[in-house]
Amino acid sequence: MASPYGMDITESCLACRSHTGQVFCSFSATTLKAFEAIKFATIYPAGSVLFLEGQAARGVFVLCKGRVKLSICSSEGKSLILKIAEPGEVLGLSATVSGEAYGLTAETLDPCQVNFVKRDDFLRLVREHGDACLHTVEALSDKYNAACQEIRSLGLSHSAAERLGRFLLECSFRSGQAGAQQPRLKIGLTHEEIAQLIGTSRETVTRVFTEMRKRQIVEINGATVLIRNKAALERLVAA
């Protein structure tokens, strides 16, 4: 079934053919059937807010298709993007389990298909199905490790160029082009959003991209970034 946004909608998890290998896509048949009975599938346009930082946790959001921006905001209004969530990821999990408010804001970057499960229904699923409990623990562990890696990347990187270079290499890995000599990346983020993601300013991102282009490390055409000299980019990150 096609949505108004040209997206092929997967109406049932039981018939889904695009399992991503993420933990919630690996439930047993019995648990998946129980999950199917309590989830609400929704299509969101780009720019939709799934939940807000500080909002009471209503439940979990399983991202099936599209990308979601996860961000936090200071009292002065300064934003920091923590992550760009990809299909298969579970959003709002720690708040739903703990009962605390959501610790960040989730906003769709593309048209997205999302499965929502109410908090009470999700907690009952975890209590009644052992593999759901195990997968939840694995997901929380993955989020903790990813947060440690992100803090390490931001805190120990010596320059904005190193952080931007690491971001580009991570994009090539996530897009399945880690082994390519000249990865071609569809970034789909503004310089401001990249700056929020790597902890610097928009002006700095623009300046570093300009320097990389002059050194023929990257070639930029709209939202597409071609890594022309991957070895030079890797040296920049390792410096």
C-alpha atoms as a PDB file:
ATOM      1  CA  MET A   1       0.000   0.000   0.000  1.00  0.00           C
ATOM      2  CA  ALA A   2       1.366   3.450  -0.947  1.00  0.00           C
ATOM      3  CA  SER A   3       1.075   6.544   1.278  1.00  0.00           C
ATOM      4  CA  PRO A   4       0.436  10.142   0.108  1.00  0.00           C
ATOM      5  CA  TYR A   5       4.210  10.652   0.420  1.00  0.00           C
ATOM      6  CA  GLY A   6       5.068   7.932  -2.095  1.00  0.00           C
ATOM      7  CA  MET A   7       6.141   5.541   0.667  1.00  0.00           C
ATOM      8  CA  ASP A   8       5.327   1.842   0.576  1.00  0.00           C
ATOM      9  CA  ILE A   9       3.498   1.173   3.820  1.00  0.00           C
ATOM     10  CA  THR A  10       4.043  -2.079   5.700  1.00  0.00           C
ATOM     11  CA  GLU A  11       0.714  -2.570   7.438  1.00  0.00           C
ATOM     12  CA  SER A  12       1.677  -5.688   9.418  1.00  0.00           C
ATOM     13  CA  CYS A  13       4.927  -6.524  11.182  1.00  0.00           C
ATOM     14  CA  LEU A  14       4.160 -10.170  10.485  1.00  0.00           C
ATOM     15  CA  ALA A  15       4.418  -9.536   6.744  1.00  0.00           C
ATOM     16  CA  CYS A  16       7.356  -7.110   6.879  1.00  0.00           C
ATOM     17  CA  ARG A  17      10.144  -7.956   4.436  1.00  0.00           C
ATOM     18  CA  SER A  18      12.462  -5.121   5.385  1.00  0.00           C
ATOM     19  CA  HIS A  19      13.748  -6.316   8.752  1.00  0.00           C
ATOM     20  CA  THR A  20      16.791  -4.200   9.542  1.00  0.00           C
ATOM     21  CA  GLY A  21      18.537  -6.455  12.047  1.00  0.00           C
ATOM     22  CA  GLN A  22      17.729  -4.058  14.892  1.00  0.00           C
ATOM     23  CA  VAL A  23      16.735  -5.683  18.170  1.00  0.00           C
ATOM     24  CA  PHE A  24      12.971  -5.081  17.962  1.00  0.00           C
ATOM     25  CA  CYS A  25      12.881  -6.530  14.456  1.00  0.00           C
ATOM     26  CA  SER A  26      14.057  -9.882  15.825  1.00  0.00           C
ATOM     27  CA  PHE A  27      11.203 -10.869  18.097  1.00  0.00           C
ATOM     28  CA  SER A  28      10.073 -14.484  18.091  1.00  0.00           C
ATOM     29  CA  ALA A  29       6.929 -15.247  16.098  1.00  0.00           C
ATOM     30  CA  THR A  30       4.830 -15.381  19.287  1.00  0.00           C
ATOM     31  CA  THR A  31       6.153 -12.063  20.613  1.00  0.00           C
ATOM     32  CA  LEU A  32       5.856 -10.407  17.219  1.00  0.00           C
ATOM     33  CA  LYS A  33       2.199 -11.446  17.065  1.00  0.00           C
ATOM     34  CA  ALA A  34       1.630  -9.939  20.525  1.00  0.00           C
ATOM     35  CA  PHE A  35       3.439  -6.760  19.453  1.00  0.00           C
ATOM     36  CA  GLU A  36       1.301  -6.539  16.315  1.00  0.00           C
ATOM     37  CA  ALA A  37      -1.846  -6.574  18.463  1.00  0.00           C
ATOM     38  CA  ILE A  38      -0.837  -3.508  20.517  1.00  0.00           C
ATOM     39  CA  LYS A  39       0.972  -1.243  18.037  1.00  0.00           C
ATOM     40  CA  PHE A  40      -0.454   1.682  16.087  1.00  0.00           C
ATOM     41  CA  ALA A  41       1.103   2.273  12.657  1.00  0.00           C
ATOM     42  CA  THR A  42       1.200   5.914  11.539  1.00  0.00           C
ATOM     43  CA  ILE A  43       2.697   7.846   8.618  1.00  0.00           C
ATOM     44  CA  TYR A  44       4.201  11.237   9.475  1.00  0.00           C
ATOM     45  CA  PRO A  45       5.290  13.955   7.047  1.00  0.00           C
ATOM     46  CA  ALA A  46       8.747  15.508   7.365  1.00  0.00           C
ATOM     47  CA  GLY A  47       8.948  18.035  10.186  1.00  0.00           C
ATOM     48  CA  SER A  48       6.530  16.210  12.505  1.00  0.00           C
ATOM     49  CA  VAL A  49       7.322  16.090  16.233  1.00  0.00           C
ATOM     50  CA  LEU A  50       6.874  12.620  17.724  1.00  0.00           C
ATOM     51  CA  PHE A  51       7.553  13.786  21.269  1.00  0.00           C
ATOM     52  CA  LEU A  52       9.088  16.738  23.089  1.00  0.00           C
ATOM     53  CA  GLU A  53      11.869  16.978  25.648  1.00  0.00           C
ATOM     54  CA  GLY A  54      10.234  17.137  29.093  1.00  0.00           C
ATOM     55  CA  GLN A  55       6.943  15.600  27.928  1.00  0.00           C
ATOM     56  CA  ALA A  56       5.540  12.724  30.002  1.00  0.00           C
ATOM     57  CA  ALA A  57       6.434   9.396  28.414  1.00  0.00           C
ATOM     58  CA  ARG A  58       3.422   8.016  26.539  1.00  0.00           C
ATOM     59  CA  GLY A  59       5.133   4.979  25.041  1.00  0.00           C
ATOM     60  CA  VAL A  60       7.731   3.818  22.524  1.00  0.00           C
ATOM     61  CA  PHE A  61       8.053   4.671  18.847  1.00  0.00           C
ATOM     62  CA  VAL A  62       9.553   2.051  16.525  1.00  0.00           C
ATOM     63  CA  LEU A  63      10.887   3.730  13.381  1.00  0.00           C
ATOM     64  CA  CYS A  64      10.078   1.567  10.359  1.00  0.00           C
ATOM     65  CA  LYS A  65      10.961   3.916   7.488  1.00  0.00           C
ATOM     66  CA  GLY A  66      12.536   7.363   7.215  1.00  0.00           C
ATOM     67  CA  ARG A  67      14.852   9.277   9.548  1.00  0.00           C
ATOM     68  CA  VAL A  68      14.214  11.079  12.837  1.00  0.00           C
ATOM     69  CA  LYS A  69      16.278  13.875  14.394  1.00  0.00           C
ATOM     70  CA  LEU A  70      16.896  13.502  18.144  1.00  0.00           C
ATOM     71  CA  SER A  71      17.856  16.756  19.871  1.00  0.00           C
ATOM     72  CA  ILE A  72      18.065  18.530  23.205  1.00  0.00           C
ATOM     73  CA  CYS A  73      17.671  22.229  23.905  1.00  0.00           C
ATOM     74  CA  SER A  74      19.205  24.510  26.559  1.00  0.00           C
ATOM     75  CA  SER A  75      17.231  27.098  28.540  1.00  0.00           C
ATOM     76  CA  GLU A  76      18.756  29.727  26.227  1.00  0.00           C
ATOM     77  CA  GLY A  77      17.282  27.993  23.197  1.00  0.00           C
ATOM     78  CA  LYS A  78      20.526  26.484  21.881  1.00  0.00           C
ATOM     79  CA  SER A  79      19.965  23.084  20.250  1.00  0.00           C
ATOM     80  CA  LEU A  80      22.254  20.076  20.003  1.00  0.00           C
ATOM     81  CA  ILE A  81      21.403  17.134  17.744  1.00  0.00           C
ATOM     82  CA  LEU A  82      22.317  13.925  19.542  1.00  0.00           C
ATOM     83  CA  LYS A  83      21.620  11.521  16.708  1.00  0.00           C
ATOM     84  CA  ILE A  84      19.852  10.875  13.425  1.00  0.00           C
ATOM     85  CA  ALA A  85      17.762   7.751  14.041  1.00  0.00           C
ATOM     86  CA  GLU A  86      17.524   5.213  11.226  1.00  0.00           C
ATOM     87  CA  PRO A  87      14.868   2.536  10.436  1.00  0.00           C
ATOM     88  CA  GLY A  88      14.625  -0.180  13.073  1.00  0.00           C
ATOM     89  CA  GLU A  89      15.504   2.047  16.013  1.00  0.00           C
ATOM     90  CA  VAL A  90      13.254   2.389  19.064  1.00  0.00           C
ATOM     91  CA  LEU A  91      12.649   5.938  20.301  1.00  0.00           C
ATOM     92  CA  GLY A  92      11.581   6.933  23.796  1.00  0.00           C
ATOM     93  CA  LEU A  93      12.553   3.559  25.233  1.00  0.00           C
ATOM     94  CA  SER A  94      14.425   4.599  28.393  1.00  0.00           C
ATOM     95  CA  ALA A  95      11.725   7.128  29.391  1.00  0.00           C
ATOM     96  CA  THR A  96       8.990   4.556  28.819  1.00  0.00           C
ATOM     97  CA  VAL A  97      10.747   1.949  30.956  1.00  0.00           C
ATOM     98  CA  SER A  98      11.673   4.369  33.779  1.00  0.00           C
ATOM     99  CA  GLY A  99       8.442   6.374  33.739  1.00  0.00           C
ATOM    100  CA  GLU A 100      10.384   9.629  33.545  1.00  0.00           C
ATOM    101  CA  ALA A 101       9.803  12.385  31.000  1.00  0.00           C
ATOM    102  CA  TYR A 102      11.294  12.116  27.535  1.00  0.00           C
ATOM    103  CA  GLY A 103      14.862  13.436  27.716  1.00  0.00           C
ATOM    104  CA  LEU A 104      14.959  14.751  24.160  1.00  0.00           C
ATOM    105  CA  THR A 105      12.846  15.858  21.209  1.00  0.00           C
ATOM    106  CA  ALA A 106      12.184  13.561  18.237  1.00  0.00           C
ATOM    107  CA  GLU A 107      11.343  15.220  14.895  1.00  0.00           C
ATOM    108  CA  THR A 108      11.008  13.515  11.513  1.00  0.00           C
ATOM    109  CA  LEU A 109      13.478  14.548   8.815  1.00  0.00           C
ATOM    110  CA  ASP A 110      11.697  12.608   6.056  1.00  0.00           C
ATOM    111  CA  PRO A 111       8.229  11.147   5.664  1.00  0.00           C
ATOM    112  CA  CYS A 112       8.282   8.288   8.179  1.00  0.00           C
ATOM    113  CA  GLN A 113       6.351   5.175   9.066  1.00  0.00           C
ATOM    114  CA  VAL A 114       6.315   4.717  12.829  1.00  0.00           C
ATOM    115  CA  ASN A 115       4.809   2.036  15.065  1.00  0.00           C
ATOM    116  CA  PHE A 116       3.676   3.424  18.425  1.00  0.00           C
ATOM    117  CA  VAL A 117       3.018   1.293  21.524  1.00  0.00           C
ATOM    118  CA  LYS A 118       1.420   2.752  24.650  1.00  0.00           C
ATOM    119  CA  ARG A 119       3.526   2.555  27.811  1.00  0.00           C
ATOM    120  CA  ASP A 120       1.231   0.216  29.756  1.00  0.00           C
ATOM    121  CA  ASP A 121       0.917  -2.141  26.780  1.00  0.00           C
ATOM    122  CA  PHE A 122       4.667  -2.152  26.237  1.00  0.00           C
ATOM    123  CA  LEU A 123       5.467  -2.890  29.890  1.00  0.00           C
ATOM    124  CA  ARG A 124       2.984  -5.755  29.835  1.00  0.00           C
ATOM    125  CA  LEU A 125       4.633  -7.128  26.685  1.00  0.00           C
ATOM    126  CA  VAL A 126       8.023  -7.035  28.427  1.00  0.00           C
ATOM    127  CA  ARG A 127       6.641  -8.783  31.520  1.00  0.00           C
ATOM    128  CA  GLU A 128       4.904 -11.539  29.591  1.00  0.00           C
ATOM    129  CA  HIS A 129       7.485 -12.280  26.885  1.00  0.00           C
ATOM    130  CA  GLY A 130      11.053 -13.094  27.886  1.00  0.00           C
ATOM    131  CA  ASP A 131      12.597 -12.278  24.515  1.00  0.00           C
ATOM    132  CA  ALA A 132      10.906  -8.849  24.533  1.00  0.00           C
ATOM    133  CA  CYS A 133      12.544  -8.189  27.895  1.00  0.00           C
ATOM    134  CA  LEU A 134      15.940  -9.356  26.604  1.00  0.00           C
ATOM    135  CA  HIS A 135      15.633  -7.263  23.448  1.00  0.00           C
ATOM    136  CA  THR A 136      14.717  -4.215  25.536  1.00  0.00           C
ATOM    137  CA  VAL A 137      17.826  -4.673  27.685  1.00  0.00           C
ATOM    138  CA  GLU A 138      19.942  -5.046  24.531  1.00  0.00           C
ATOM    139  CA  ALA A 139      18.438  -1.876  23.042  1.00  0.00           C
ATOM    140  CA  LEU A 140      19.113   0.112  26.219  1.00  0.00           C
ATOM    141  CA  SER A 141      22.677  -1.230  26.316  1.00  0.00           C
ATOM    142  CA  ASP A 142      23.217  -0.206  22.689  1.00  0.00           C
ATOM    143  CA  LYS A 143      21.945   3.301  23.462  1.00  0.00           C
ATOM    144  CA  TYR A 144      24.307   3.582  26.438  1.00  0.00           C
ATOM    145  CA  ASN A 145      27.307   2.473  24.383  1.00  0.00           C
ATOM    146  CA  ALA A 146      26.370   4.845  21.562  1.00  0.00           C
ATOM    147  CA  ALA A 147      26.103   7.732  24.046  1.00  0.00           C
ATOM    148  CA  CYS A 148      29.561   6.929  25.446  1.00  0.00           C
ATOM    149  CA  GLN A 149      30.991   6.848  21.925  1.00  0.00           C
ATOM    150  CA  GLU A 150      29.378  10.186  21.082  1.00  0.00           C
ATOM    151  CA  ILE A 151      30.730  11.822  24.240  1.00  0.00           C
ATOM    152  CA  ARG A 152      34.170  10.430  23.449  1.00  0.00           C
ATOM    153  CA  SER A 153      33.965  11.748  19.900  1.00  0.00           C
ATOM    154  CA  LEU A 154      32.909  15.255  20.943  1.00  0.00           C
ATOM    155  CA  GLY A 155      35.091  15.506  24.024  1.00  0.00           C
ATOM    156  CA  LEU A 156      38.340  14.060  22.676  1.00  0.00           C
ATOM    157  CA  SER A 157      38.293  15.365  19.101  1.00  0.00           C
ATOM    158  CA  HIS A 158      40.902  18.079  18.681  1.00  0.00           C
ATOM    159  CA  SER A 159      39.183  20.092  15.972  1.00  0.00           C
ATOM    160  CA  ALA A 160      35.917  20.702  14.165  1.00  0.00           C
ATOM    161  CA  ALA A 161      37.540  19.295  11.001  1.00  0.00           C
ATOM    162  CA  GLU A 162      38.186  16.005  12.809  1.00  0.00           C
ATOM    163  CA  ARG A 163      34.579  15.845  14.051  1.00  0.00           C
ATOM    164  CA  LEU A 164      33.193  16.630  10.594  1.00  0.00           C
ATOM    165  CA  GLY A 165      35.482  14.038   9.023  1.00  0.00           C
ATOM    166  CA  ARG A 166      34.335  11.411  11.508  1.00  0.00           C
ATOM    167  CA  PHE A 167      30.714  12.321  10.767  1.00  0.00           C
ATOM    168  CA  LEU A 168      31.257  11.779   7.020  1.00  0.00           C
ATOM    169  CA  LEU A 169      32.976   8.431   7.581  1.00  0.00           C
ATOM    170  CA  GLU A 170      30.141   7.310   9.865  1.00  0.00           C
ATOM    171  CA  CYS A 171      27.642   8.300   7.163  1.00  0.00           C
ATOM    172  CA  SER A 172      29.529   6.161   4.653  1.00  0.00           C
ATOM    173  CA  PHE A 173      29.442   3.231   7.085  1.00  0.00           C
ATOM    174  CA  ARG A 174      25.693   3.561   7.753  1.00  0.00           C
ATOM    175  CA  SER A 175      24.955   3.801   4.032  1.00  0.00           C
ATOM    176  CA  GLY A 176      26.816   0.553   3.363  1.00  0.00           C
ATOM    177  CA  GLN A 177      29.684   2.255   1.539  1.00  0.00           C
ATOM    178  CA  ALA A 178      32.416   1.752   4.123  1.00  0.00           C
ATOM    179  CA  GLY A 179      34.446  -0.302   1.643  1.00  0.00           C
ATOM    180  CA  ALA A 180      34.025   2.099  -1.266  1.00  0.00           C
ATOM    181  CA  GLN A 181      37.016   4.136  -2.387  1.00  0.00           C
ATOM    182  CA  GLN A 182      34.841   7.157  -3.193  1.00  0.00           C
ATOM    183  CA  PRO A 183      31.612   6.949  -1.158  1.00  0.00           C
ATOM    184  CA  ARG A 184      28.727   9.057  -2.458  1.00  0.00           C
ATOM    185  CA  LEU A 185      26.572  10.213   0.441  1.00  0.00           C
ATOM    186  CA  LYS A 186      23.058  11.647   0.548  1.00  0.00           C
ATOM    187  CA  ILE A 187      23.416  13.753   3.695  1.00  0.00           C
ATOM    188  CA  GLY A 188      20.039  15.503   3.668  1.00  0.00           C
ATOM    189  CA  LEU A 189      21.045  17.862   6.509  1.00  0.00           C
ATOM    190  CA  THR A 190      21.675  21.601   6.508  1.00  0.00           C
ATOM    191  CA  HIS A 191      25.020  22.999   7.674  1.00  0.00           C
ATOM    192  CA  GLU A 192      23.189  24.214  10.795  1.00  0.00           C
ATOM    193  CA  GLU A 193      21.940  20.689  11.549  1.00  0.00           C
ATOM    194  CA  ILE A 194      25.385  19.179  10.960  1.00  0.00           C
ATOM    195  CA  ALA A 195      26.838  21.812  13.301  1.00  0.00           C
ATOM    196  CA  GLN A 196      24.341  20.864  16.011  1.00  0.00           C
ATOM    197  CA  LEU A 197      25.207  17.211  15.489  1.00  0.00           C
ATOM    198  CA  ILE A 198      28.994  17.618  15.858  1.00  0.00           C
ATOM    199  CA  GLY A 199      28.973  20.399  18.455  1.00  0.00           C
ATOM    200  CA  THR A 200      30.175  23.422  16.517  1.00  0.00           C
ATOM    201  CA  SER A 201      28.767  26.421  14.607  1.00  0.00           C
ATOM    202  CA  ARG A 202      27.195  26.606  11.162  1.00  0.00           C
ATOM    203  CA  GLU A 203      29.927  28.995  10.038  1.00  0.00           C
ATOM    204  CA  THR A 204      32.597  26.508  11.092  1.00  0.00           C
ATOM    205  CA  VAL A 205      30.934  23.651   9.178  1.00  0.00           C
ATOM    206  CA  THR A 206      30.756  25.826   6.050  1.00  0.00           C
ATOM    207  CA  ARG A 207      34.411  26.842   6.440  1.00  0.00           C
ATOM    208  CA  VAL A 208      35.631  23.266   6.957  1.00  0.00           C
ATOM    209  CA  PHE A 209      33.647  22.005   3.962  1.00  0.00           C
ATOM    210  CA  THR A 210      35.195  24.792   1.869  1.00  0.00           C
ATOM    211  CA  GLU A 211      38.685  23.765   3.000  1.00  0.00           C
ATOM    212  CA  MET A 212      37.963  20.113   2.213  1.00  0.00           C
ATOM    213  CA  ARG A 213      36.780  21.054  -1.260  1.00  0.00           C
ATOM    214  CA  LYS A 214      39.911  23.108  -1.907  1.00  0.00           C
ATOM    215  CA  ARG A 215      42.053  20.149  -0.852  1.00  0.00           C
ATOM    216  CA  GLN A 216      39.922  17.909  -3.129  1.00  0.00           C
ATOM    217  CA  ILE A 217      38.943  15.679  -0.215  1.00  0.00           C
ATOM    218  CA  VAL A 218      35.224  16.069  -0.927  1.00  0.00           C
ATOM    219  CA  GLU A 219      32.999  17.238  -3.735  1.00  0.00           C
ATOM    220  CA  ILE A 220      29.596  18.714  -2.868  1.00  0.00           C
ATOM    221  CA  ASN A 221      26.566  18.893  -5.127  1.00  0.00           C
ATOM    222  CA  GLY A 222      23.439  19.953  -3.245  1.00  0.00           C
ATOM    223  CA  ALA A 223      22.636  17.330  -0.604  1.00  0.00           C
ATOM    224  CA  THR A 224      25.160  14.881  -2.084  1.00  0.00           C
ATOM    225  CA  VAL A 225      28.727  14.659  -0.784  1.00  0.00           C
ATOM    226  CA  LEU A 226      31.289  12.655  -2.755  1.00  0.00           C
ATOM    227  CA  ILE A 227      34.329  11.647  -0.708  1.00  0.00           C
ATOM    228  CA  ARG A 228      37.020  11.943  -3.387  1.00  0.00           C
ATOM    229  CA  ASN A 229      40.015  11.236  -1.160  1.00  0.00           C
ATOM    230  CA  LYS A 230      38.959   8.816   1.556  1.00  0.00           C
ATOM    231  CA  ALA A 231      42.535   8.207   2.714  1.00  0.00           C
ATOM    232  CA  ALA A 232      43.057  11.938   3.345  1.00  0.00           C
ATOM    233  CA  LEU A 233      39.794  12.089   5.299  1.00  0.00           C
ATOM    234  CA  GLU A 234      40.841   9.112   7.433  1.00  0.00           C
ATOM    235  CA  ARG A 235      44.194  10.759   8.133  1.00  0.00           C
ATOM    236  CA  LEU A 236      42.376  13.910   9.222  1.00  0.00           C
ATOM    237  CA  VAL A 237      40.279  11.927  11.692  1.00  0.00           C
ATOM    238  CA  ALA A 238      43.302  10.024  13.029  1.00  0.00           C
ATOM    239  CA  ALA A 239      45.442  13.150  13.461  1.00  0.00           C
END
